[in-house]
Protein backbone atom coordinates (compact mmCIF):
# COMPACT_ATOMS: atom_id res chain seq x y z
CA MET A 1 0.00 0.00 0.00
CA ILE A 2 1.41 3.39 -0.98
CA ASP A 3 0.39 6.43 1.04
CA GLU A 4 0.63 9.96 -0.36
CA MET A 5 0.80 12.98 1.92
CA ARG A 6 1.40 16.63 1.10
CA SER A 7 3.98 18.49 3.12
CA LYS A 8 2.62 21.62 4.78
CA GLN A 9 5.84 23.53 4.14
CA SER A 10 6.82 22.58 0.61
CA GLY A 11 3.64 21.27 -0.96
CA SER A 12 5.59 18.23 -2.15
CA ILE A 13 4.18 14.73 -2.05
CA ALA A 14 5.80 12.14 0.17
CA ARG A 15 5.20 8.51 -0.75
CA THR A 16 5.86 5.61 1.51
CA GLY A 17 5.12 1.94 1.55
CA CYS A 18 5.17 2.02 5.34
CA ALA A 19 1.71 2.95 6.57
CA GLU A 20 3.03 3.16 10.14
CA LEU A 21 4.94 6.41 9.49
CA SER A 22 3.44 9.29 11.39
CA ASN A 23 1.78 12.02 9.32
CA ASP A 24 3.44 14.57 11.61
CA LEU A 25 6.92 13.26 10.78
CA ILE A 26 6.31 13.44 7.05
CA GLN A 27 4.46 16.74 7.02
CA GLU A 28 7.05 18.58 9.12
CA SER A 29 10.06 17.23 7.22
CA THR A 30 11.98 19.51 4.87
CA MET A 31 14.86 17.05 4.48
CA SER A 32 16.05 16.37 0.96
CA ILE A 33 17.89 13.21 -0.05
CA ILE A 34 20.18 13.14 -3.07
CA GLN A 35 21.22 9.68 -4.29
CA VAL A 36 24.15 9.06 -6.62
CA PHE A 37 24.84 5.69 -8.21
CA PHE A 38 28.13 5.32 -10.02
CA ILE A 39 30.75 2.78 -11.05
CA ALA A 40 33.10 2.05 -8.15
CA GLY A 41 36.53 3.60 -8.35
CA ARG A 42 36.31 7.14 -6.93
CA THR A 43 38.58 8.12 -4.06
CA ASP A 44 37.28 9.15 -0.64
CA GLU A 45 38.47 12.70 -1.41
CA GLN A 46 36.44 12.78 -4.64
CA LYS A 47 33.38 11.53 -2.79
CA GLU A 48 33.78 14.17 -0.07
CA ARG A 49 34.04 16.92 -2.71
CA LEU A 50 30.95 15.58 -4.50
CA ILE A 51 28.94 15.49 -1.27
CA GLY A 52 29.95 19.09 -0.55
CA ALA A 53 29.16 20.29 -4.07
CA LEU A 54 25.76 18.55 -4.16
CA THR A 55 24.89 19.97 -0.75
CA ASP A 56 25.90 23.48 -1.86
CA ALA A 57 23.84 23.12 -5.05
CA ALA A 58 20.73 22.00 -3.14
CA VAL A 59 21.04 24.86 -0.65
CA LYS A 60 21.50 27.44 -3.42
CA THR A 61 18.94 26.01 -5.84
CA ILE A 62 16.01 25.09 -3.61
CA GLY A 63 16.79 27.25 -0.58
CA ILE A 64 16.91 24.64 2.17
CA ASP A 65 19.18 24.53 5.19
CA ARG A 66 22.45 22.58 4.87
CA SER A 67 21.40 20.52 7.87
CA ASP A 68 18.40 19.26 5.88
CA VAL A 69 20.47 17.85 3.00
CA ARG A 70 21.40 14.16 2.88
CA VAL A 71 23.63 12.69 0.17
CA ILE A 72 23.85 8.95 -0.39
CA LEU A 73 26.62 7.63 -2.63
CA LYS A 74 26.40 4.07 -3.89
CA ASP A 75 29.38 2.46 -5.58
CA ILE A 76 28.33 -0.22 -8.04
CA PRO A 77 31.05 -2.78 -8.88
CA ASN A 78 32.10 -2.52 -12.53
CA THR A 79 31.04 -6.15 -12.99
CA GLU A 80 27.48 -5.22 -11.95
CA TYR A 81 27.10 -2.05 -14.04
CA GLY A 82 25.99 -2.46 -17.64
CA ILE A 83 26.56 -0.08 -20.54
CA ALA A 84 25.15 -0.87 -23.97
CA GLY A 85 24.85 -4.57 -23.18
CA LYS A 86 28.34 -5.01 -21.71
CA THR A 87 29.76 -4.80 -18.22
CA ALA A 88 31.63 -1.65 -17.33
CA LYS A 89 34.65 -3.84 -16.54
CA SER A 90 34.74 -5.24 -20.07
CA LEU A 91 34.72 -1.65 -21.34
CA GLY A 92 37.59 -0.63 -19.07
CA ARG A 93 35.45 1.46 -16.75
CA GLY A 94 35.51 1.65 -12.97
CA THR A 95 37.90 0.11 -10.43
CA GLY A 96 41.19 -0.79 -12.06
CA ARG A 97 40.13 0.88 -15.31
CA SER A 98 41.77 -1.85 -17.39
CA PRO A 99 40.73 -1.73 -21.05
CA ALA A 100 39.14 -4.85 -22.49
CA GLY A 101 41.61 -7.40 -23.78
CA SER A 102 44.63 -6.21 -21.77
């Protein structure tokens, strides 16, 4: 069962498959979550810079407080990421970045 509730503050719709969530929690929330899925292989420093840049962009663009921004980064192994019918690994993308056939 999917519930839809409008936020009092932003007018946005929150959807959840968990009917037990309190309406008050959803309606008072201004938290934004940014999710990034990419091929594994970035350094911790690159990830930290990306989190900072995405947070800055959200604050500037939609006018929310920094404390309300959440960024989730998900590394996908290059053997589990497909591009045009091939794995990223076979195309030399991601961790190790070895071109195919080498």
